[in-house]
Amino acid sequence: MSFIDVFAWIVLVVLIMTLVAVFVALGMIPGRIAKKRGHPWAEAVAVGSWATLIFGFVFWPLVLIWAYVDQPAKAGARA
């Protein structure tokens, strides 16, 4: 193998590792945000994040928004 072949393999391995790291980071972001904000359904947000990433990414932005949405206050409750 020449130097260019070895370099190409190194670039390919680094690219694959980067893609895996980005995928894992995207899967963890909504769950961590929800837990940090004290979301009442933080575990559901985390599961929804991984499920939408694995099955097509279409609803992942909605799960990210859901991580920022808190449970609405009840009608009779006052702050």
C-alpha atoms as a PDB file:
ATOM      1  CA  MET A   1       0.000   0.000   0.000  1.00  0.00           C
ATOM      2  CA  SER A   2       1.243   3.408  -0.862  1.00  0.00           C
ATOM      3  CA  PHE A   3       1.127   6.461   1.390  1.00  0.00           C
ATOM      4  CA  ILE A   4      -1.978   7.798  -0.352  1.00  0.00           C
ATOM      5  CA  ASP A   5      -3.850   4.536   0.336  1.00  0.00           C
ATOM      6  CA  VAL A   6      -2.969   4.627   4.024  1.00  0.00           C
ATOM      7  CA  PHE A   7      -3.933   8.295   4.217  1.00  0.00           C
ATOM      8  CA  ALA A   8      -7.280   7.564   2.547  1.00  0.00           C
ATOM      9  CA  TRP A   9      -8.027   4.801   5.078  1.00  0.00           C
ATOM     10  CA  ILE A  10      -7.153   7.111   7.965  1.00  0.00           C
ATOM     11  CA  VAL A  11      -9.451   9.810   6.581  1.00  0.00           C
ATOM     12  CA  LEU A  12     -12.250   7.258   6.135  1.00  0.00           C
ATOM     13  CA  VAL A  13     -11.917   5.976   9.713  1.00  0.00           C
ATOM     14  CA  VAL A  14     -11.885   9.519  11.128  1.00  0.00           C
ATOM     15  CA  LEU A  15     -14.945  10.403   9.053  1.00  0.00           C
ATOM     16  CA  ILE A  16     -16.882   7.369  10.288  1.00  0.00           C
ATOM     17  CA  MET A  17     -15.934   8.085  13.915  1.00  0.00           C
ATOM     18  CA  THR A  18     -17.048  11.699  13.499  1.00  0.00           C
ATOM     19  CA  LEU A  19     -20.401  10.652  12.044  1.00  0.00           C
ATOM     20  CA  VAL A  20     -20.997   8.242  14.928  1.00  0.00           C
ATOM     21  CA  ALA A  21     -20.079  10.944  17.462  1.00  0.00           C
ATOM     22  CA  VAL A  22     -22.479  13.437  15.830  1.00  0.00           C
ATOM     23  CA  PHE A  23     -25.270  10.830  15.801  1.00  0.00           C
ATOM     24  CA  VAL A  24     -24.764  10.091  19.508  1.00  0.00           C
ATOM     25  CA  ALA A  25     -24.598  13.791  20.379  1.00  0.00           C
ATOM     26  CA  LEU A  26     -27.836  14.492  18.499  1.00  0.00           C
ATOM     27  CA  GLY A  27     -29.513  11.604  20.292  1.00  0.00           C
ATOM     28  CA  MET A  28     -28.504  12.886  23.708  1.00  0.00           C
ATOM     29  CA  ILE A  29     -29.227  16.609  23.321  1.00  0.00           C
ATOM     30  CA  PRO A  30     -33.037  16.720  23.901  1.00  0.00           C
ATOM     31  CA  GLY A  31     -32.894  14.339  26.866  1.00  0.00           C
ATOM     32  CA  ARG A  32     -30.165  16.318  28.584  1.00  0.00           C
ATOM     33  CA  ILE A  33     -31.971  19.597  27.979  1.00  0.00           C
ATOM     34  CA  ALA A  34     -35.201  18.183  29.400  1.00  0.00           C
ATOM     35  CA  LYS A  35     -33.466  16.788  32.503  1.00  0.00           C
ATOM     36  CA  LYS A  36     -31.573  20.037  33.071  1.00  0.00           C
ATOM     37  CA  ARG A  37     -34.789  22.077  32.866  1.00  0.00           C
ATOM     38  CA  GLY A  38     -36.692  19.703  35.179  1.00  0.00           C
ATOM     39  CA  HIS A  39     -39.147  18.619  32.488  1.00  0.00           C
ATOM     40  CA  PRO A  40     -41.867  16.357  33.923  1.00  0.00           C
ATOM     41  CA  TRP A  41     -41.477  13.890  31.014  1.00  0.00           C
ATOM     42  CA  ALA A  42     -37.701  14.065  30.607  1.00  0.00           C
ATOM     43  CA  GLU A  43     -37.323  10.323  30.107  1.00  0.00           C
ATOM     44  CA  ALA A  44     -39.978  10.326  27.389  1.00  0.00           C
ATOM     45  CA  VAL A  45     -38.152  13.155  25.639  1.00  0.00           C
ATOM     46  CA  ALA A  46     -34.914  11.152  25.754  1.00  0.00           C
ATOM     47  CA  VAL A  47     -36.574   8.024  24.359  1.00  0.00           C
ATOM     48  CA  GLY A  48     -38.358  10.054  21.707  1.00  0.00           C
ATOM     49  CA  SER A  49     -35.089  11.627  20.640  1.00  0.00           C
ATOM     50  CA  TRP A  50     -33.368   8.275  20.100  1.00  0.00           C
ATOM     51  CA  ALA A  51     -36.430   6.756  18.432  1.00  0.00           C
ATOM     52  CA  THR A  52     -36.791   9.570  15.923  1.00  0.00           C
ATOM     53  CA  LEU A  53     -33.080   9.529  15.093  1.00  0.00           C
ATOM     54  CA  ILE A  54     -33.077   5.787  14.503  1.00  0.00           C
ATOM     55  CA  PHE A  55     -36.272   5.803  12.446  1.00  0.00           C
ATOM     56  CA  GLY A  56     -35.630   8.696  10.119  1.00  0.00           C
ATOM     57  CA  PHE A  57     -34.898  12.024  11.869  1.00  0.00           C
ATOM     58  CA  VAL A  58     -38.192  13.581  10.708  1.00  0.00           C
ATOM     59  CA  PHE A  59     -39.634  14.337  14.157  1.00  0.00           C
ATOM     60  CA  TRP A  60     -36.333  15.034  15.944  1.00  0.00           C
ATOM     61  CA  PRO A  61     -36.820  18.835  15.782  1.00  0.00           C
ATOM     62  CA  LEU A  62     -40.231  18.401  17.424  1.00  0.00           C
ATOM     63  CA  VAL A  63     -38.675  16.387  20.243  1.00  0.00           C
ATOM     64  CA  LEU A  64     -36.088  19.139  20.681  1.00  0.00           C
ATOM     65  CA  ILE A  65     -38.885  21.702  21.000  1.00  0.00           C
ATOM     66  CA  TRP A  66     -40.689  19.360  23.414  1.00  0.00           C
ATOM     67  CA  ALA A  67     -37.584  19.385  25.635  1.00  0.00           C
ATOM     68  CA  TYR A  68     -38.012  23.136  26.105  1.00  0.00           C
ATOM     69  CA  VAL A  69     -41.774  23.051  26.721  1.00  0.00           C
ATOM     70  CA  ASP A  70     -42.782  22.798  30.374  1.00  0.00           C
ATOM     71  CA  GLN A  71     -45.996  21.414  31.730  1.00  0.00           C
ATOM     72  CA  PRO A  72     -48.639  24.147  31.621  1.00  0.00           C
ATOM     73  CA  ALA A  73     -49.867  25.501  34.947  1.00  0.00           C
ATOM     74  CA  LYS A  74     -53.307  24.415  36.094  1.00  0.00           C
ATOM     75  CA  ALA A  75     -56.139  26.900  35.728  1.00  0.00           C
ATOM     76  CA  GLY A  76     -56.561  27.475  39.485  1.00  0.00           C
ATOM     77  CA  ALA A  77     -52.872  27.600  40.347  1.00  0.00           C
ATOM     78  CA  ARG A  78     -51.097  30.898  40.858  1.00  0.00           C
ATOM     79  CA  ALA A  79     -47.387  31.575  40.800  1.00  0.00           C
END
